[in-house]
Amino acid sequence: MGFFSFFGRVLFSTIFILSAWQALNEFGTDGGLSAKELAPKFSVLKDHLSSKMGFVLPDVDPIHLAGAVIALKGLGGILFVLNSNIGAFLLITQLAFTTPLIYDFYNFSPDTPKFGVLLNDFLQQAALVGALFFFIGMKNSITKRGQVTKKKIHKTKTG
């Protein structure tokens, strides 16, 4: 059973590790395709949050955003293979930040073809988050079940 668990974690984390590797190879001096894709969507989010909060949020370089996403994917994927909850939390953080930005189906009318594609991709990313939460929950329940506490035997005192 241990081999299948490890093999499943390897297959699951391959999505993140290969994606991080590809983005790192494309990174270059301008942040690559990741930075170009995140920049306009992040600026819209920043402007929206600034208008709602009443103060201007600081400017963040898209290259730094792309670098952080690559780091979260790569490190989270490797730690996940090693059966670490920290890896799962890093991947959840990355997915929670990037999924609503990249797959912005809410900006399109349901009648447009792009809406269906983006909604489908968004739901697939949400399923990955669910699988990571399932991993954390199962790992915690197995750990708690494995801890058997010894019960004290109370002896009655007789005089």
N, C-alpha and C. Protein backbone atom coordinates (compact mmCIF):
# COMPACT_ATOMS: atom_id res chain seq x y z
N MET A 1 0.82 -1.20 0.00
CA MET A 1 0.00 0.00 0.00
C MET A 1 0.86 1.25 0.00
N GLY A 2 2.04 1.20 0.64
CA GLY A 2 2.92 2.35 0.70
C GLY A 2 3.42 2.76 -0.67
N PHE A 3 3.70 1.78 -1.54
CA PHE A 3 4.17 2.10 -2.88
C PHE A 3 3.11 2.83 -3.68
N PHE A 4 1.86 2.37 -3.59
CA PHE A 4 0.80 3.01 -4.35
C PHE A 4 0.54 4.42 -3.87
N SER A 5 0.68 4.66 -2.59
CA SER A 5 0.53 6.01 -2.05
C SER A 5 1.63 6.92 -2.60
N PHE A 6 2.85 6.42 -2.58
CA PHE A 6 3.98 7.20 -3.11
C PHE A 6 3.81 7.46 -4.60
N PHE A 7 3.43 6.42 -5.34
CA PHE A 7 3.24 6.55 -6.79
C PHE A 7 2.14 7.56 -7.11
N GLY A 8 1.07 7.54 -6.34
CA GLY A 8 -0.01 8.51 -6.55
C GLY A 8 0.44 9.92 -6.27
N ARG A 9 1.24 10.12 -5.22
CA ARG A 9 1.76 11.45 -4.93
C ARG A 9 2.71 11.94 -6.03
N VAL A 10 3.50 11.01 -6.57
CA VAL A 10 4.40 11.38 -7.66
C VAL A 10 3.61 11.81 -8.88
N LEU A 11 2.60 11.03 -9.25
CA LEU A 11 1.78 11.38 -10.42
C LEU A 11 1.06 12.71 -10.20
N PHE A 12 0.51 12.92 -9.01
CA PHE A 12 -0.22 14.15 -8.72
C PHE A 12 0.70 15.36 -8.76
N SER A 13 1.86 15.24 -8.15
CA SER A 13 2.76 16.40 -8.08
C SER A 13 3.46 16.66 -9.40
N THR A 14 3.46 15.70 -10.31
CA THR A 14 4.07 15.91 -11.63
C THR A 14 3.44 17.09 -12.34
N ILE A 15 2.15 17.30 -12.16
CA ILE A 15 1.46 18.45 -12.76
C ILE A 15 2.15 19.74 -12.34
N PHE A 16 2.44 19.87 -11.08
CA PHE A 16 3.00 21.10 -10.54
C PHE A 16 4.49 21.23 -10.85
N ILE A 17 5.24 20.14 -10.70
CA ILE A 17 6.68 20.20 -10.91
C ILE A 17 7.01 20.48 -12.37
N LEU A 18 6.36 19.80 -13.30
CA LEU A 18 6.62 20.04 -14.72
C LEU A 18 6.16 21.43 -15.15
N SER A 19 5.06 21.89 -14.59
CA SER A 19 4.59 23.25 -14.89
C SER A 19 5.59 24.29 -14.39
N ALA A 20 6.12 24.08 -13.19
CA ALA A 20 7.12 25.01 -12.65
C ALA A 20 8.40 24.97 -13.48
N TRP A 21 8.80 23.78 -13.90
CA TRP A 21 10.01 23.64 -14.71
C TRP A 21 9.85 24.36 -16.05
N GLN A 22 8.70 24.20 -16.68
CA GLN A 22 8.44 24.86 -17.96
C GLN A 22 8.43 26.38 -17.78
N ALA A 23 7.77 26.86 -16.74
CA ALA A 23 7.73 28.31 -16.50
C ALA A 23 9.11 28.85 -16.16
N LEU A 24 9.91 28.07 -15.46
CA LEU A 24 11.27 28.51 -15.12
C LEU A 24 12.14 28.60 -16.37
N ASN A 25 11.97 27.65 -17.29
CA ASN A 25 12.73 27.70 -18.55
C ASN A 25 12.32 28.89 -19.41
N GLU A 26 11.06 29.32 -19.33
CA GLU A 26 10.57 30.46 -20.11
C GLU A 26 10.76 31.79 -19.40
N PHE A 27 11.21 31.75 -18.15
CA PHE A 27 11.23 32.94 -17.30
C PHE A 27 12.08 34.07 -17.89
N GLY A 28 13.31 33.83 -18.20
CA GLY A 28 14.18 34.83 -18.81
C GLY A 28 14.32 36.08 -17.96
N THR A 29 14.48 37.23 -18.61
CA THR A 29 14.64 38.49 -17.89
C THR A 29 13.31 39.23 -17.72
N ASP A 30 12.31 38.85 -18.51
CA ASP A 30 11.02 39.55 -18.45
C ASP A 30 9.94 38.76 -17.72
N GLY A 31 10.26 37.62 -17.16
CA GLY A 31 9.28 36.83 -16.44
C GLY A 31 8.55 35.83 -17.30
N GLY A 32 8.77 35.88 -18.60
CA GLY A 32 8.19 34.91 -19.51
C GLY A 32 6.69 35.07 -19.67
N LEU A 33 6.08 34.02 -20.17
CA LEU A 33 4.65 34.00 -20.45
C LEU A 33 3.83 34.13 -19.17
N SER A 34 4.34 33.58 -18.07
CA SER A 34 3.61 33.64 -16.80
C SER A 34 3.41 35.08 -16.36
N ALA A 35 4.47 35.87 -16.41
CA ALA A 35 4.37 37.28 -15.99
C ALA A 35 3.47 38.06 -16.94
N LYS A 36 3.55 37.76 -18.23
CA LYS A 36 2.73 38.47 -19.21
C LYS A 36 1.25 38.15 -19.03
N GLU A 37 0.97 36.92 -18.62
CA GLU A 37 -0.42 36.52 -18.40
C GLU A 37 -0.97 37.06 -17.08
N LEU A 38 -0.13 37.10 -16.05
CA LEU A 38 -0.58 37.56 -14.73
C LEU A 38 -0.69 39.08 -14.63
N ALA A 39 0.16 39.81 -15.35
CA ALA A 39 0.24 41.27 -15.19
C ALA A 39 -1.09 41.99 -15.39
N PRO A 40 -1.78 41.84 -16.52
CA PRO A 40 -3.03 42.60 -16.69
C PRO A 40 -4.13 42.15 -15.73
N LYS A 41 -4.19 40.87 -15.46
CA LYS A 41 -5.25 40.38 -14.57
C LYS A 41 -4.99 40.81 -13.13
N PHE A 42 -3.72 40.85 -12.73
CA PHE A 42 -3.39 41.29 -11.37
C PHE A 42 -3.63 42.79 -11.22
N SER A 43 -3.36 43.57 -12.26
CA SER A 43 -3.60 45.02 -12.16
C SER A 43 -5.09 45.32 -12.03
N VAL A 44 -5.93 44.55 -12.72
CA VAL A 44 -7.38 44.73 -12.58
C VAL A 44 -7.81 44.38 -11.16
N LEU A 45 -7.27 43.29 -10.62
CA LEU A 45 -7.59 42.90 -9.24
C LEU A 45 -7.11 43.97 -8.25
N LYS A 46 -5.91 44.49 -8.46
CA LYS A 46 -5.35 45.50 -7.57
C LYS A 46 -6.20 46.77 -7.60
N ASP A 47 -6.60 47.20 -8.80
CA ASP A 47 -7.45 48.40 -8.92
C ASP A 47 -8.80 48.19 -8.25
N HIS A 48 -9.36 47.00 -8.43
CA HIS A 48 -10.66 46.70 -7.81
C HIS A 48 -10.55 46.70 -6.29
N LEU A 49 -9.52 46.05 -5.75
CA LEU A 49 -9.34 46.02 -4.30
C LEU A 49 -9.03 47.40 -3.74
N SER A 50 -8.25 48.20 -4.48
CA SER A 50 -7.94 49.56 -4.03
C SER A 50 -9.19 50.40 -3.94
N SER A 51 -10.09 50.25 -4.91
CA SER A 51 -11.33 51.05 -4.88
C SER A 51 -12.25 50.61 -3.75
N LYS A 52 -12.26 49.32 -3.44
CA LYS A 52 -13.12 48.82 -2.36
C LYS A 52 -12.56 49.12 -0.98
N MET A 53 -11.22 49.09 -0.83
CA MET A 53 -10.60 49.29 0.47
C MET A 53 -10.40 50.77 0.81
N GLY A 54 -10.37 51.63 -0.20
CA GLY A 54 -10.23 53.05 0.06
C GLY A 54 -8.79 53.54 0.10
N PHE A 55 -7.83 52.69 -0.14
CA PHE A 55 -6.43 53.12 -0.21
C PHE A 55 -5.74 52.35 -1.32
N VAL A 56 -4.66 52.93 -1.81
CA VAL A 56 -3.95 52.35 -2.95
C VAL A 56 -3.02 51.24 -2.47
N LEU A 57 -3.16 50.10 -3.09
CA LEU A 57 -2.26 48.98 -2.79
C LEU A 57 -0.93 49.21 -3.51
N PRO A 58 0.16 48.76 -2.92
CA PRO A 58 1.47 48.98 -3.56
C PRO A 58 1.60 48.20 -4.86
N ASP A 59 2.44 48.74 -5.74
CA ASP A 59 2.69 48.07 -7.00
C ASP A 59 3.57 46.84 -6.76
N VAL A 60 3.20 45.75 -7.43
CA VAL A 60 3.98 44.51 -7.36
C VAL A 60 4.42 44.19 -8.77
N ASP A 61 5.70 43.93 -8.92
CA ASP A 61 6.25 43.60 -10.23
C ASP A 61 5.73 42.24 -10.67
N PRO A 62 5.20 42.13 -11.88
CA PRO A 62 4.70 40.83 -12.36
C PRO A 62 5.78 39.76 -12.40
N ILE A 63 7.03 40.17 -12.55
CA ILE A 63 8.12 39.20 -12.56
C ILE A 63 8.23 38.53 -11.19
N HIS A 64 8.03 39.32 -10.13
CA HIS A 64 8.06 38.75 -8.78
C HIS A 64 6.88 37.81 -8.54
N LEU A 65 5.72 38.19 -9.08
CA LEU A 65 4.55 37.30 -8.97
C LEU A 65 4.81 35.97 -9.66
N ALA A 66 5.34 36.04 -10.87
CA ALA A 66 5.61 34.81 -11.62
C ALA A 66 6.66 33.97 -10.91
N GLY A 67 7.68 34.62 -10.35
CA GLY A 67 8.70 33.89 -9.60
C GLY A 67 8.14 33.21 -8.37
N ALA A 68 7.23 33.90 -7.68
CA ALA A 68 6.61 33.30 -6.48
C ALA A 68 5.75 32.10 -6.86
N VAL A 69 5.02 32.21 -7.96
CA VAL A 69 4.18 31.10 -8.41
C VAL A 69 5.05 29.89 -8.77
N ILE A 70 6.16 30.14 -9.46
CA ILE A 70 7.07 29.05 -9.83
C ILE A 70 7.65 28.40 -8.58
N ALA A 71 8.05 29.21 -7.61
CA ALA A 71 8.62 28.67 -6.38
C ALA A 71 7.60 27.85 -5.60
N LEU A 72 6.37 28.35 -5.51
CA LEU A 72 5.33 27.60 -4.78
C LEU A 72 5.03 26.27 -5.46
N LYS A 73 4.94 26.28 -6.79
CA LYS A 73 4.66 25.04 -7.51
C LYS A 73 5.80 24.03 -7.35
N GLY A 74 7.01 24.48 -7.57
CA GLY A 74 8.15 23.57 -7.52
C GLY A 74 8.40 23.02 -6.13
N LEU A 75 8.52 23.91 -5.16
CA LEU A 75 8.79 23.47 -3.79
C LEU A 75 7.62 22.67 -3.22
N GLY A 76 6.40 23.14 -3.48
CA GLY A 76 5.22 22.41 -3.00
C GLY A 76 5.11 21.03 -3.61
N GLY A 77 5.40 20.91 -4.91
CA GLY A 77 5.35 19.61 -5.56
C GLY A 77 6.37 18.63 -5.01
N ILE A 78 7.58 19.12 -4.79
CA ILE A 78 8.63 18.24 -4.25
C ILE A 78 8.29 17.81 -2.83
N LEU A 79 7.85 18.76 -1.99
CA LEU A 79 7.51 18.40 -0.62
C LEU A 79 6.29 17.47 -0.56
N PHE A 80 5.37 17.64 -1.50
CA PHE A 80 4.20 16.77 -1.54
C PHE A 80 4.61 15.33 -1.84
N VAL A 81 5.56 15.14 -2.75
CA VAL A 81 6.06 13.80 -3.05
C VAL A 81 6.65 13.17 -1.80
N LEU A 82 7.29 13.99 -0.97
CA LEU A 82 7.91 13.49 0.25
C LEU A 82 6.92 13.34 1.40
N ASN A 83 5.63 13.41 1.10
CA ASN A 83 4.55 13.18 2.06
C ASN A 83 4.48 14.26 3.14
N SER A 84 4.64 15.51 2.73
CA SER A 84 4.65 16.61 3.66
C SER A 84 3.36 17.44 3.56
N ASN A 85 2.79 17.76 4.71
CA ASN A 85 1.62 18.65 4.73
C ASN A 85 2.00 20.05 4.26
N ILE A 86 3.23 20.45 4.53
CA ILE A 86 3.67 21.79 4.11
C ILE A 86 3.61 21.91 2.59
N GLY A 87 4.02 20.86 1.88
CA GLY A 87 3.92 20.86 0.43
C GLY A 87 2.49 21.03 -0.05
N ALA A 88 1.57 20.34 0.60
CA ALA A 88 0.16 20.46 0.24
C ALA A 88 -0.34 21.88 0.51
N PHE A 89 0.06 22.48 1.62
CA PHE A 89 -0.35 23.85 1.92
C PHE A 89 0.24 24.85 0.93
N LEU A 90 1.49 24.63 0.50
CA LEU A 90 2.08 25.52 -0.50
C LEU A 90 1.33 25.43 -1.83
N LEU A 91 0.95 24.22 -2.21
CA LEU A 91 0.20 24.05 -3.46
C LEU A 91 -1.19 24.65 -3.35
N ILE A 92 -1.83 24.51 -2.19
CA ILE A 92 -3.14 25.13 -1.99
C ILE A 92 -3.03 26.64 -2.08
N THR A 93 -1.98 27.21 -1.47
CA THR A 93 -1.77 28.66 -1.53
C THR A 93 -1.60 29.11 -2.97
N GLN A 94 -0.79 28.40 -3.72
CA GLN A 94 -0.57 28.76 -5.12
C GLN A 94 -1.86 28.68 -5.92
N LEU A 95 -2.62 27.61 -5.73
CA LEU A 95 -3.87 27.45 -6.47
C LEU A 95 -4.91 28.50 -6.06
N ALA A 96 -4.98 28.80 -4.76
CA ALA A 96 -5.96 29.78 -4.29
C ALA A 96 -5.66 31.18 -4.83
N PHE A 97 -4.39 31.48 -5.03
CA PHE A 97 -4.03 32.80 -5.55
C PHE A 97 -4.20 32.88 -7.06
N THR A 98 -3.73 31.87 -7.79
CA THR A 98 -3.70 31.99 -9.25
C THR A 98 -4.99 31.56 -9.96
N THR A 99 -5.73 30.63 -9.39
CA THR A 99 -6.91 30.12 -10.09
C THR A 99 -7.93 31.21 -10.40
N PRO A 100 -8.34 32.05 -9.43
CA PRO A 100 -9.30 33.10 -9.79
C PRO A 100 -8.74 34.15 -10.74
N LEU A 101 -7.43 34.33 -10.75
CA LEU A 101 -6.83 35.31 -11.66
C LEU A 101 -6.75 34.79 -13.09
N ILE A 102 -6.28 33.57 -13.25
CA ILE A 102 -6.04 33.04 -14.59
C ILE A 102 -7.34 32.59 -15.25
N TYR A 103 -8.19 31.94 -14.50
CA TYR A 103 -9.44 31.41 -15.07
C TYR A 103 -10.60 32.30 -14.67
N ASP A 104 -10.64 33.50 -15.23
CA ASP A 104 -11.62 34.52 -14.85
C ASP A 104 -12.90 34.40 -15.68
N PHE A 105 -13.58 33.28 -15.52
CA PHE A 105 -14.83 33.04 -16.25
C PHE A 105 -15.90 34.06 -15.89
N TYR A 106 -15.81 34.65 -14.70
CA TYR A 106 -16.80 35.60 -14.21
C TYR A 106 -16.77 36.92 -14.99
N ASN A 107 -15.76 37.15 -15.82
CA ASN A 107 -15.70 38.36 -16.64
C ASN A 107 -16.35 38.17 -18.01
N PHE A 108 -16.91 36.99 -18.27
CA PHE A 108 -17.49 36.69 -19.57
C PHE A 108 -18.96 36.33 -19.42
N SER A 109 -19.70 36.56 -20.47
CA SER A 109 -21.11 36.19 -20.50
C SER A 109 -21.22 34.68 -20.68
N PRO A 110 -22.22 34.05 -20.05
CA PRO A 110 -22.38 32.59 -20.23
C PRO A 110 -22.64 32.19 -21.67
N ASP A 111 -23.00 33.14 -22.52
CA ASP A 111 -23.27 32.82 -23.92
C ASP A 111 -22.00 32.66 -24.75
N THR A 112 -20.90 33.21 -24.29
CA THR A 112 -19.66 33.16 -25.06
C THR A 112 -18.97 31.80 -24.90
N PRO A 113 -18.28 31.34 -25.93
CA PRO A 113 -17.59 30.05 -25.83
C PRO A 113 -16.45 30.06 -24.81
N LYS A 114 -15.82 31.20 -24.62
CA LYS A 114 -14.70 31.29 -23.68
C LYS A 114 -15.16 31.04 -22.24
N PHE A 115 -16.41 31.39 -21.93
CA PHE A 115 -16.94 31.19 -20.59
C PHE A 115 -16.89 29.71 -20.20
N GLY A 116 -17.35 28.84 -21.07
CA GLY A 116 -17.38 27.40 -20.77
C GLY A 116 -15.99 26.82 -20.58
N VAL A 117 -15.05 27.25 -21.41
CA VAL A 117 -13.67 26.75 -21.31
C VAL A 117 -13.05 27.19 -19.99
N LEU A 118 -13.20 28.48 -19.66
CA LEU A 118 -12.62 29.00 -18.42
C LEU A 118 -13.29 28.40 -17.19
N LEU A 119 -14.60 28.23 -17.23
CA LEU A 119 -15.31 27.63 -16.10
C LEU A 119 -14.85 26.19 -15.88
N ASN A 120 -14.68 25.44 -16.96
CA ASN A 120 -14.21 24.06 -16.85
C ASN A 120 -12.82 24.01 -16.24
N ASP A 121 -11.92 24.86 -16.72
CA ASP A 121 -10.56 24.89 -16.16
C ASP A 121 -10.57 25.34 -14.71
N PHE A 122 -11.40 26.30 -14.37
CA PHE A 122 -11.52 26.77 -12.99
C PHE A 122 -11.97 25.62 -12.07
N LEU A 123 -12.96 24.87 -12.51
CA LEU A 123 -13.46 23.75 -11.70
C LEU A 123 -12.43 22.63 -11.57
N GLN A 124 -11.61 22.42 -12.60
CA GLN A 124 -10.54 21.43 -12.48
C GLN A 124 -9.52 21.86 -11.43
N GLN A 125 -9.19 23.14 -11.40
CA GLN A 125 -8.27 23.64 -10.39
C GLN A 125 -8.89 23.54 -8.99
N ALA A 126 -10.18 23.78 -8.90
CA ALA A 126 -10.87 23.63 -7.61
C ALA A 126 -10.84 22.17 -7.16
N ALA A 127 -10.94 21.25 -8.10
CA ALA A 127 -10.86 19.82 -7.76
C ALA A 127 -9.46 19.47 -7.24
N LEU A 128 -8.43 20.09 -7.78
CA LEU A 128 -7.07 19.86 -7.27
C LEU A 128 -6.95 20.36 -5.83
N VAL A 129 -7.55 21.50 -5.54
CA VAL A 129 -7.55 22.00 -4.16
C VAL A 129 -8.27 21.01 -3.26
N GLY A 130 -9.39 20.49 -3.72
CA GLY A 130 -10.13 19.50 -2.94
C GLY A 130 -9.31 18.24 -2.68
N ALA A 131 -8.57 17.79 -3.69
CA ALA A 131 -7.72 16.61 -3.50
C ALA A 131 -6.61 16.88 -2.49
N LEU A 132 -6.07 18.09 -2.50
CA LEU A 132 -5.03 18.44 -1.52
C LEU A 132 -5.59 18.49 -0.11
N PHE A 133 -6.80 19.05 0.04
CA PHE A 133 -7.44 19.05 1.36
C PHE A 133 -7.75 17.63 1.81
N PHE A 134 -8.15 16.77 0.89
CA PHE A 134 -8.40 15.37 1.20
C PHE A 134 -7.12 14.70 1.70
N PHE A 135 -6.00 14.97 1.03
CA PHE A 135 -4.71 14.42 1.44
C PHE A 135 -4.38 14.84 2.87
N ILE A 136 -4.55 16.14 3.15
CA ILE A 136 -4.23 16.64 4.50
C ILE A 136 -5.14 15.99 5.54
N GLY A 137 -6.42 15.90 5.23
CA GLY A 137 -7.37 15.29 6.16
C GLY A 137 -7.09 13.83 6.41
N MET A 138 -6.80 13.08 5.36
CA MET A 138 -6.52 11.65 5.52
C MET A 138 -5.21 11.44 6.27
N LYS A 139 -4.22 12.25 5.97
CA LYS A 139 -2.94 12.10 6.67
C LYS A 139 -3.11 12.39 8.16
N ASN A 140 -3.89 13.39 8.49
CA ASN A 140 -4.12 13.71 9.90
C ASN A 140 -4.94 12.63 10.59
N SER A 141 -5.93 12.06 9.91
CA SER A 141 -6.75 11.04 10.55
C SER A 141 -5.97 9.74 10.76
N ILE A 142 -5.09 9.41 9.83
CA ILE A 142 -4.27 8.20 9.99
C ILE A 142 -3.29 8.40 11.13
N THR A 143 -2.72 9.59 11.25
CA THR A 143 -1.78 9.87 12.33
C THR A 143 -2.46 9.77 13.68
N LYS A 144 -3.65 10.33 13.79
CA LYS A 144 -4.37 10.28 15.06
C LYS A 144 -4.81 8.86 15.41
N ARG A 145 -5.20 8.09 14.39
CA ARG A 145 -5.64 6.72 14.63
C ARG A 145 -4.48 5.84 15.07
N GLY A 146 -3.27 6.15 14.59
CA GLY A 146 -2.11 5.34 14.92
C GLY A 146 -1.60 5.57 16.32
N GLN A 147 -2.00 6.66 16.93
CA GLN A 147 -1.55 6.95 18.29
C GLN A 147 -2.49 6.28 19.28
N VAL A 148 -2.05 5.19 19.84
CA VAL A 148 -2.85 4.47 20.81
C VAL A 148 -2.37 4.86 22.20
N THR A 149 -3.27 5.33 22.99
CA THR A 149 -2.90 5.74 24.34
C THR A 149 -3.18 4.58 25.29
N LYS A 150 -2.28 4.43 26.23
CA LYS A 150 -2.48 3.37 27.22
C LYS A 150 -3.44 3.89 28.28
N LYS A 151 -4.41 3.07 28.59
CA LYS A 151 -5.37 3.43 29.61
C LYS A 151 -4.81 3.03 30.96
N LYS A 152 -4.99 3.90 31.91
CA LYS A 152 -4.55 3.60 33.25
C LYS A 152 -5.54 2.67 33.91
N ILE A 153 -5.03 1.72 34.57
CA ILE A 153 -5.89 0.81 35.32
C ILE A 153 -5.94 1.31 36.75
N HIS A 154 -7.11 1.65 37.16
CA HIS A 154 -7.29 2.17 38.53
C HIS A 154 -7.52 0.99 39.48
N LYS A 155 -6.65 0.90 40.43
CA LYS A 155 -6.79 -0.17 41.44
C LYS A 155 -7.48 0.42 42.66
N THR A 156 -8.37 -0.32 43.16
CA THR A 156 -9.05 0.14 44.37
C THR A 156 -8.16 -0.15 45.58
N LYS A 157 -8.14 0.77 46.47
CA LYS A 157 -7.31 0.60 47.66
C LYS A 157 -8.14 -0.12 48.73
N THR A 158 -7.57 -1.17 49.19
CA THR A 158 -8.24 -1.89 50.28
C THR A 158 -7.32 -1.86 51.48
N GLY A 159 -7.88 -1.63 52.58
CA GLY A 159 -7.15 -1.39 53.79
C GLY A 159 -6.68 -2.50 54.53
